[in-house]
C-alpha atoms as a PDB file:
ATOM      1  CA  MET A   1      26.597   2.468 -22.914  1.00  0.00           C
ATOM      2  CA  ILE A   2      24.849   0.617 -20.115  1.00  0.00           C
ATOM      3  CA  ARG A   3      21.480   1.757 -18.839  1.00  0.00           C
ATOM      4  CA  ILE A   4      21.096   1.747 -15.064  1.00  0.00           C
ATOM      5  CA  PRO A   5      17.727   1.672 -13.203  1.00  0.00           C
ATOM      6  CA  GLY A   6      16.697   5.110 -12.008  1.00  0.00           C
ATOM      7  CA  LEU A   7      19.283   6.961 -14.066  1.00  0.00           C
ATOM      8  CA  ALA A   8      17.208   7.162 -17.219  1.00  0.00           C
ATOM      9  CA  ALA A   9      14.598   9.238 -15.413  1.00  0.00           C
ATOM     10  CA  ALA A  10      17.243  11.584 -14.056  1.00  0.00           C
ATOM     11  CA  SER A  11      18.758  11.980 -17.512  1.00  0.00           C
ATOM     12  CA  VAL A  12      15.341  12.786 -18.953  1.00  0.00           C
ATOM     13  CA  ALA A  13      14.789  15.353 -16.220  1.00  0.00           C
ATOM     14  CA  PHE A  14      18.131  16.947 -17.083  1.00  0.00           C
ATOM     15  CA  ALA A  15      17.254  17.066 -20.781  1.00  0.00           C
ATOM     16  CA  LEU A  16      13.871  18.601 -20.087  1.00  0.00           C
ATOM     17  CA  ALA A  17      15.440  21.182 -17.820  1.00  0.00           C
ATOM     18  CA  VAL A  18      17.817  22.471 -20.489  1.00  0.00           C
ATOM     19  CA  GLY A  19      16.493  25.706 -21.936  1.00  0.00           C
ATOM     20  CA  GLN A  20      14.164  26.397 -19.008  1.00  0.00           C
ATOM     21  CA  PRO A  21      14.676  29.193 -16.477  1.00  0.00           C
ATOM     22  CA  ALA A  22      17.461  28.381 -14.001  1.00  0.00           C
ATOM     23  CA  HIS A  23      15.147  27.927 -11.032  1.00  0.00           C
ATOM     24  CA  ALA A  24      12.920  25.534 -13.003  1.00  0.00           C
ATOM     25  CA  ALA A  25      15.927  23.497 -14.092  1.00  0.00           C
ATOM     26  CA  ASP A  26      17.160  23.334 -10.523  1.00  0.00           C
ATOM     27  CA  ASP A  27      13.801  22.152  -9.218  1.00  0.00           C
ATOM     28  CA  GLU A  28      13.562  19.355 -11.782  1.00  0.00           C
ATOM     29  CA  LEU A  29      17.105  18.149 -11.226  1.00  0.00           C
ATOM     30  CA  ILE A  30      16.977  18.306  -7.449  1.00  0.00           C
ATOM     31  CA  LYS A  31      13.710  16.375  -7.275  1.00  0.00           C
ATOM     32  CA  ALA A  32      15.030  13.746  -9.702  1.00  0.00           C
ATOM     33  CA  GLN A  33      18.197  13.236  -7.671  1.00  0.00           C
ATOM     34  CA  ALA A  34      16.658  13.158  -4.190  1.00  0.00           C
ATOM     35  CA  GLY A  35      16.570   9.729  -2.540  1.00  0.00           C
ATOM     36  CA  VAL A  36      18.844   7.008  -1.212  1.00  0.00           C
ATOM     37  CA  TRP A  37      22.108   6.437  -3.068  1.00  0.00           C
ATOM     38  CA  LEU A  38      24.875   3.869  -2.773  1.00  0.00           C
ATOM     39  CA  LEU A  39      28.455   5.078  -3.022  1.00  0.00           C
ATOM     40  CA  ALA A  40      30.565   2.035  -3.828  1.00  0.00           C
ATOM     41  CA  PRO A  41      34.160   1.483  -4.986  1.00  0.00           C
ATOM     42  CA  GLU A  42      34.522   0.123  -8.511  1.00  0.00           C
ATOM     43  CA  SER A  43      36.788  -2.545  -7.014  1.00  0.00           C
ATOM     44  CA  GLY A  44      33.774  -4.288  -5.476  1.00  0.00           C
ATOM     45  CA  ALA A  45      34.634  -3.291  -1.902  1.00  0.00           C
ATOM     46  CA  LYS A  46      31.833  -2.402   0.486  1.00  0.00           C
ATOM     47  CA  GLY A  47      30.301   1.055   0.112  1.00  0.00           C
ATOM     48  CA  CYS A  48      27.821   3.148   2.067  1.00  0.00           C
ATOM     49  CA  ARG A  49      24.416   4.780   1.615  1.00  0.00           C
ATOM     50  CA  LEU A  50      23.632   8.471   1.663  1.00  0.00           C
ATOM     51  CA  THR A  51      20.201  10.054   1.458  1.00  0.00           C
ATOM     52  CA  PHE A  52      20.017  13.138  -0.740  1.00  0.00           C
ATOM     53  CA  ASN A  53      17.391  15.552   0.552  1.00  0.00           C
ATOM     54  CA  THR A  54      15.854  18.652  -1.017  1.00  0.00           C
ATOM     55  CA  THR A  55      16.280  20.719   2.156  1.00  0.00           C
ATOM     56  CA  PRO A  56      18.728  23.636   1.666  1.00  0.00           C
ATOM     57  CA  ALA A  57      22.115  23.240   3.353  1.00  0.00           C
ATOM     58  CA  THR A  58      25.493  24.984   3.151  1.00  0.00           C
ATOM     59  CA  GLY A  59      26.654  24.580  -0.418  1.00  0.00           C
ATOM     60  CA  GLY A  60      23.512  22.907  -1.697  1.00  0.00           C
ATOM     61  CA  TYR A  61      21.021  20.417  -0.291  1.00  0.00           C
ATOM     62  CA  GLY A  62      21.152  18.278   2.814  1.00  0.00           C
ATOM     63  CA  ILE A  63      22.562  14.774   3.163  1.00  0.00           C
ATOM     64  CA  THR A  64      21.776  12.261   5.895  1.00  0.00           C
ATOM     65  CA  GLY A  65      23.348   8.896   6.679  1.00  0.00           C
ATOM     66  CA  ALA A  66      26.991   9.961   6.494  1.00  0.00           C
ATOM     67  CA  ASP A  67      27.752   7.937   9.631  1.00  0.00           C
ATOM     68  CA  THR A  68      27.357   4.750   7.554  1.00  0.00           C
ATOM     69  CA  CYS A  69      30.464   5.777   5.601  1.00  0.00           C
ATOM     70  CA  THR A  70      32.793   5.928   8.626  1.00  0.00           C
ATOM     71  CA  THR A  71      34.310   2.474   8.045  1.00  0.00           C
ATOM     72  CA  PRO A  72      33.951   1.743   4.297  1.00  0.00           C
ATOM     73  CA  LEU A  73      34.552   5.271   2.954  1.00  0.00           C
ATOM     74  CA  PRO A  74      35.891   7.433   5.812  1.00  0.00           C
ATOM     75  CA  ALA A  75      36.341  10.533   3.656  1.00  0.00           C
ATOM     76  CA  LEU A  76      32.578  10.663   3.178  1.00  0.00           C
ATOM     77  CA  SER A  77      31.722  10.400   6.878  1.00  0.00           C
ATOM     78  CA  LYS A  78      31.692  14.219   6.895  1.00  0.00           C
ATOM     79  CA  ALA A  79      29.251  14.484   3.988  1.00  0.00           C
ATOM     80  CA  SER A  80      26.687  17.171   4.731  1.00  0.00           C
ATOM     81  CA  ALA A  81      25.409  18.497   1.397  1.00  0.00           C
ATOM     82  CA  TRP A  82      25.215  17.769  -2.317  1.00  0.00           C
ATOM     83  CA  ASN A  83      24.642  19.920  -5.367  1.00  0.00           C
ATOM     84  CA  PHE A  84      25.079  20.156  -9.131  1.00  0.00           C
ATOM     85  CA  ALA A  85      27.803  22.289 -10.696  1.00  0.00           C
ATOM     86  CA  ASP A  86      27.426  24.387 -13.833  1.00  0.00           C
ATOM     87  CA  ASP A  87      29.260  21.722 -15.851  1.00  0.00           C
ATOM     88  CA  GLY A  88      26.688  19.077 -14.861  1.00  0.00           C
ATOM     89  CA  SER A  89      28.902  17.325 -12.325  1.00  0.00           C
ATOM     90  CA  LEU A  90      27.600  16.449  -8.864  1.00  0.00           C
ATOM     91  CA  ALA A  91      29.533  17.371  -5.743  1.00  0.00           C
ATOM     92  CA  ILE A  92      29.266  16.052  -2.194  1.00  0.00           C
ATOM     93  CA  MET A  93      30.436  18.550   0.421  1.00  0.00           C
ATOM     94  CA  ASP A  94      31.179  18.781   4.131  1.00  0.00           C
ATOM     95  CA  GLY A  95      29.495  21.146   6.573  1.00  0.00           C
ATOM     96  CA  ALA A  96      31.753  24.021   5.526  1.00  0.00           C
ATOM     97  CA  GLY A  97      30.841  23.623   1.866  1.00  0.00           C
ATOM     98  CA  GLN A  98      34.185  22.067   0.905  1.00  0.00           C
ATOM     99  CA  THR A  99      33.974  19.418  -1.808  1.00  0.00           C
ATOM    100  CA  LEU A 100      34.751  15.885  -0.640  1.00  0.00           C
ATOM    101  CA  VAL A 101      34.143  14.147  -3.966  1.00  0.00           C
ATOM    102  CA  ARG A 102      32.837  15.118  -7.377  1.00  0.00           C
ATOM    103  CA  PHE A 103      31.052  12.818  -9.816  1.00  0.00           C
ATOM    104  CA  GLN A 104      30.578  12.945 -13.582  1.00  0.00           C
ATOM    105  CA  GLN A 105      27.939  11.106 -15.610  1.00  0.00           C
ATOM    106  CA  GLU A 106      27.506  10.212 -19.252  1.00  0.00           C
ATOM    107  CA  GLU A 107      23.876   9.940 -20.320  1.00  0.00           C
ATOM    108  CA  GLY A 108      22.462   6.556 -19.337  1.00  0.00           C
ATOM    109  CA  SER A 109      25.544   5.536 -17.335  1.00  0.00           C
ATOM    110  CA  PRO A 110      26.173   5.727 -13.580  1.00  0.00           C
ATOM    111  CA  TRP A 111      27.833   8.635 -11.850  1.00  0.00           C
ATOM    112  CA  VAL A 112      31.547   7.938 -11.334  1.00  0.00           C
ATOM    113  CA  SER A 113      34.049   9.908  -9.264  1.00  0.00           C
ATOM    114  CA  GLU A 114      36.370  12.304 -11.087  1.00  0.00           C
ATOM    115  CA  SER A 115      39.521  11.519  -9.118  1.00  0.00           C
ATOM    116  CA  GLY A 116      40.991   9.064  -6.649  1.00  0.00           C
ATOM    117  CA  ASP A 117      39.959   5.420  -6.581  1.00  0.00           C
ATOM    118  CA  PRO A 118      36.961   5.053  -8.947  1.00  0.00           C
ATOM    119  CA  THR A 119      33.707   5.147  -7.003  1.00  0.00           C
ATOM    120  CA  TRP A 120      30.162   4.728  -8.324  1.00  0.00           C
ATOM    121  CA  LEU A 121      27.154   6.752  -7.221  1.00  0.00           C
ATOM    122  CA  LEU A 122      24.107   4.559  -7.824  1.00  0.00           C
ATOM    123  CA  PRO A 123      20.442   4.467  -6.770  1.00  0.00           C
ATOM    124  CA  ALA A 124      20.370   2.129  -3.752  1.00  0.00           C
ATOM    125  CA  LEU A 125      19.310  -1.413  -4.641  1.00  0.00           C
ATOM    126  CA  GLY A 126      17.729  -3.290  -1.722  1.00  0.00           C
ATOM    127  CA  ASP A 127      20.377  -4.200   0.847  1.00  0.00           C
ATOM    128  CA  VAL A 128      23.179  -4.422  -1.719  1.00  0.00           C
ATOM    129  CA  ASP A 129      26.270  -2.648  -0.347  1.00  0.00           C
ATOM    130  CA  HIS A 130      28.761  -3.170  -3.193  1.00  0.00           C
ATOM    131  CA  VAL A 131      28.907  -3.365  -6.977  1.00  0.00           C
ATOM    132  CA  PRO A 132      29.674  -6.583  -8.849  1.00  0.00           C
ATOM    133  CA  THR A 133      32.954  -6.985 -10.701  1.00  0.00           C
ATOM    134  CA  VAL A 134      34.008  -9.002 -13.732  1.00  0.00           C
ATOM    135  CA  ALA A 135      35.631 -11.518 -11.388  1.00  0.00           C
ATOM    136  CA  SER A 136      32.551 -11.913  -9.181  1.00  0.00           C
ATOM    137  CA  LEU A 137      30.191 -12.319 -12.157  1.00  0.00           C
ATOM    138  CA  ALA A 138      32.319 -14.763 -14.138  1.00  0.00           C
ATOM    139  CA  GLY A 139      30.820 -18.229 -14.432  1.00  0.00           C
ATOM    140  CA  ALA A 140      27.838 -20.125 -15.804  1.00  0.00           C
ATOM    141  CA  TRP A 141      24.549 -18.245 -16.260  1.00  0.00           C
ATOM    142  CA  ARG A 142      21.207 -18.914 -17.903  1.00  0.00           C
ATOM    143  CA  ILE A 143      19.015 -16.522 -19.853  1.00  0.00           C
ATOM    144  CA  GLN A 144      15.416 -17.536 -19.235  1.00  0.00           C
ATOM    145  CA  ARG A 145      11.878 -16.292 -19.599  1.00  0.00           C
ATOM    146  CA  THR A 146       9.971 -15.054 -16.571  1.00  0.00           C
ATOM    147  CA  ASP A 147       8.148 -18.415 -16.381  1.00  0.00           C
ATOM    148  CA  GLY A 148      11.501 -20.161 -15.919  1.00  0.00           C
ATOM    149  CA  LYS A 149      11.801 -21.578 -19.443  1.00  0.00           C
ATOM    150  CA  ALA A 150      15.460 -21.666 -20.514  1.00  0.00           C
ATOM    151  CA  VAL A 151      16.420 -19.558 -23.521  1.00  0.00           C
ATOM    152  CA  CYS A 152      20.210 -19.800 -23.562  1.00  0.00           C
ATOM    153  CA  ASP A 153      23.051 -20.918 -21.320  1.00  0.00           C
ATOM    154  CA  VAL A 154      25.989 -18.507 -21.316  1.00  0.00           C
ATOM    155  CA  THR A 155      29.440 -18.521 -19.795  1.00  0.00           C
ATOM    156  CA  LEU A 156      30.967 -15.233 -18.678  1.00  0.00           C
ATOM    157  CA  THR A 157      34.760 -15.336 -18.408  1.00  0.00           C
ATOM    158  CA  THR A 158      37.508 -13.074 -17.114  1.00  0.00           C
ATOM    159  CA  ASP A 159      39.558 -13.550 -20.285  1.00  0.00           C
ATOM    160  CA  LYS A 160      39.923 -10.300 -22.219  1.00  0.00           C
ATOM    161  CA  ASP A 161      40.084  -9.413 -25.891  1.00  0.00           C
ATOM    162  CA  PRO A 162      42.875  -7.091 -27.153  1.00  0.00           C
ATOM    163  CA  ASP A 163      40.776  -4.062 -26.145  1.00  0.00           C
ATOM    164  CA  GLY A 164      40.387  -5.315 -22.576  1.00  0.00           C
ATOM    165  CA  THR A 165      36.727  -6.389 -22.811  1.00  0.00           C
ATOM    166  CA  ALA A 166      35.795  -9.680 -21.132  1.00  0.00           C
ATOM    167  CA  LYS A 167      34.848 -12.624 -23.329  1.00  0.00           C
ATOM    168  CA  MET A 168      31.753 -14.824 -23.144  1.00  0.00           C
ATOM    169  CA  SER A 169      30.337 -17.834 -24.955  1.00  0.00           C
ATOM    170  CA  LEU A 170      26.880 -19.207 -25.762  1.00  0.00           C
ATOM    171  CA  ALA A 171      25.660 -22.792 -25.665  1.00  0.00           C
ATOM    172  CA  SER A 172      25.044 -24.359 -29.073  1.00  0.00           C
ATOM    173  CA  ASP A 173      21.301 -24.827 -28.491  1.00  0.00           C
ATOM    174  CA  CYS A 174      20.337 -21.223 -27.688  1.00  0.00           C
ATOM    175  CA  ALA A 175      17.016 -19.872 -28.934  1.00  0.00           C
ATOM    176  CA  LYS A 176      17.353 -18.131 -32.287  1.00  0.00           C
ATOM    177  CA  GLU A 177      16.554 -14.718 -30.778  1.00  0.00           C
ATOM    178  CA  ILE A 178      19.738 -14.925 -28.704  1.00  0.00           C
ATOM    179  CA  GLY A 179      21.913 -16.939 -31.062  1.00  0.00           C
ATOM    180  CA  ASP A 180      21.399 -14.428 -33.869  1.00  0.00           C
ATOM    181  CA  LEU A 181      22.965 -11.698 -31.712  1.00  0.00           C
ATOM    182  CA  LYS A 182      26.365 -13.456 -31.966  1.00  0.00           C
ATOM    183  CA  LEU A 183      27.232 -12.411 -28.419  1.00  0.00           C
ATOM    184  CA  SER A 184      30.924 -12.824 -27.656  1.00  0.00           C
ATOM    185  CA  LEU A 185      31.918 -10.082 -25.189  1.00  0.00           C
ATOM    186  CA  TRP A 186      30.449  -8.636 -22.009  1.00  0.00           C
ATOM    187  CA  ALA A 187      31.002  -5.767 -19.597  1.00  0.00           C
ATOM    188  CA  GLU A 188      29.699  -4.625 -16.214  1.00  0.00           C
ATOM    189  CA  GLU A 189      29.160  -1.037 -15.140  1.00  0.00           C
ATOM    190  CA  GLY A 190      27.727  -0.323 -11.718  1.00  0.00           C
ATOM    191  CA  PHE A 191      24.585  -2.453 -11.474  1.00  0.00           C
ATOM    192  CA  GLY A 192      24.408  -2.968 -15.242  1.00  0.00           C
ATOM    193  CA  LEU A 193      25.646  -5.795 -17.446  1.00  0.00           C
ATOM    194  CA  VAL A 194      25.771  -5.712 -21.243  1.00  0.00           C
ATOM    195  CA  MET A 195      26.525  -8.520 -23.674  1.00  0.00           C
ATOM    196  CA  LEU A 196      28.061  -7.459 -26.978  1.00  0.00           C
ATOM    197  CA  GLY A 197      27.808  -9.116 -30.381  1.00  0.00           C
ATOM    198  CA  SER A 198      30.471  -9.313 -33.055  1.00  0.00           C
ATOM    199  CA  ASP A 199      28.146  -7.510 -35.495  1.00  0.00           C
ATOM    200  CA  GLY A 200      27.421  -4.554 -33.196  1.00  0.00           C
ATOM    201  CA  SER A 201      24.359  -6.034 -31.498  1.00  0.00           C
ATOM    202  CA  SER A 202      23.949  -5.958 -27.721  1.00  0.00           C
ATOM    203  CA  LEU A 203      21.745  -7.169 -24.893  1.00  0.00           C
ATOM    204  CA  SER A 204      21.615  -5.216 -21.603  1.00  0.00           C
ATOM    205  CA  PHE A 205      20.554  -6.349 -18.152  1.00  0.00           C
ATOM    206  CA  ASP A 206      19.950  -4.556 -14.849  1.00  0.00           C
ATOM    207  CA  MET A 207      20.838  -6.139 -11.521  1.00  0.00           C
ATOM    208  CA  LYS A 208      18.107  -7.079  -9.031  1.00  0.00           C
ATOM    209  CA  PRO A 209      18.505  -7.033  -5.230  1.00  0.00           C
ATOM    210  CA  ASP A 210      18.969 -10.839  -5.153  1.00  0.00           C
ATOM    211  CA  GLY A 211      21.979 -10.670  -7.486  1.00  0.00           C
ATOM    212  CA  SER A 212      20.203 -11.929 -10.599  1.00  0.00           C
ATOM    213  CA  PHE A 213      19.536  -9.664 -13.589  1.00  0.00           C
ATOM    214  CA  GLN A 214      16.546  -8.659 -15.663  1.00  0.00           C
ATOM    215  CA  LYS A 215      16.588  -7.421 -19.238  1.00  0.00           C
ATOM    216  CA  SER A 216      16.795  -3.631 -19.252  1.00  0.00           C
ATOM    217  CA  ASP A 217      13.560  -1.740 -19.787  1.00  0.00           C
ATOM    218  CA  GLU A 218      15.125   0.034 -22.747  1.00  0.00           C
ATOM    219  CA  GLU A 219      15.502  -3.280 -24.587  1.00  0.00           C
ATOM    220  CA  GLU A 220      12.735  -4.328 -26.954  1.00  0.00           C
ATOM    221  CA  GLY A 221      10.944  -7.673 -26.857  1.00  0.00           C
ATOM    222  CA  GLU A 222       9.675  -9.895 -24.068  1.00  0.00           C
ATOM    223  CA  PRO A 223      11.124  -9.777 -20.530  1.00  0.00           C
ATOM    224  CA  LEU A 224      14.115 -12.008 -19.851  1.00  0.00           C
ATOM    225  CA  LEU A 225      16.059 -12.930 -16.732  1.00  0.00           C
ATOM    226  CA  LEU A 226      19.735 -13.751 -16.309  1.00  0.00           C
ATOM    227  CA  VAL A 227      20.274 -16.166 -13.412  1.00  0.00           C
ATOM    228  CA  ARG A 228      23.256 -18.092 -12.145  1.00  0.00           C
ATOM    229  CA  LYS A 229      23.274 -21.823 -12.876  1.00  0.00           C
END
């Protein structure tokens, strides 16, 4: 499971809210979810930004910025409100309270639409208006320390294993801390990228606004960057 910036806090808020009075749970969840979000097709096509407010609106809480969806995601150009459902899903509605799209989320992963073409709901990241894909990320990368010192050169490919997970390879001179992970597969999910080892190990990164990646906060050890060569 890939950790995405901003989602961990929302998941914690949801966990803390469980078992509390309904109004307390609502307050925690609504505050955690308020802010600017990117709605972007999984295909890598351009998406649009919506701002989730805490102001009451028909069906839930107000949304602004729907006009930015007119061209990339026309169905969302009528978005007027958002709210949580009893099953934990998140719905975006029009001015009459009719659901336009509904999203589900596994803990630590991005929100993804329940039906239609898969669409992510992600905390906005700088000016980024789309999510990366396996094809767009494939190529030569370098894992390095924050001072620029190289740790390991890696190659991400679009070739898949029998389960459909993309393959990757490491240079022969990688630092022991990376080489010992035996990384051989990788996957992207929203703004997250995870490298997977043959022995069950993993290394997760979160995308930055410039398109590079930083080691996820949930990972132990010193900070690392993943940059294109």
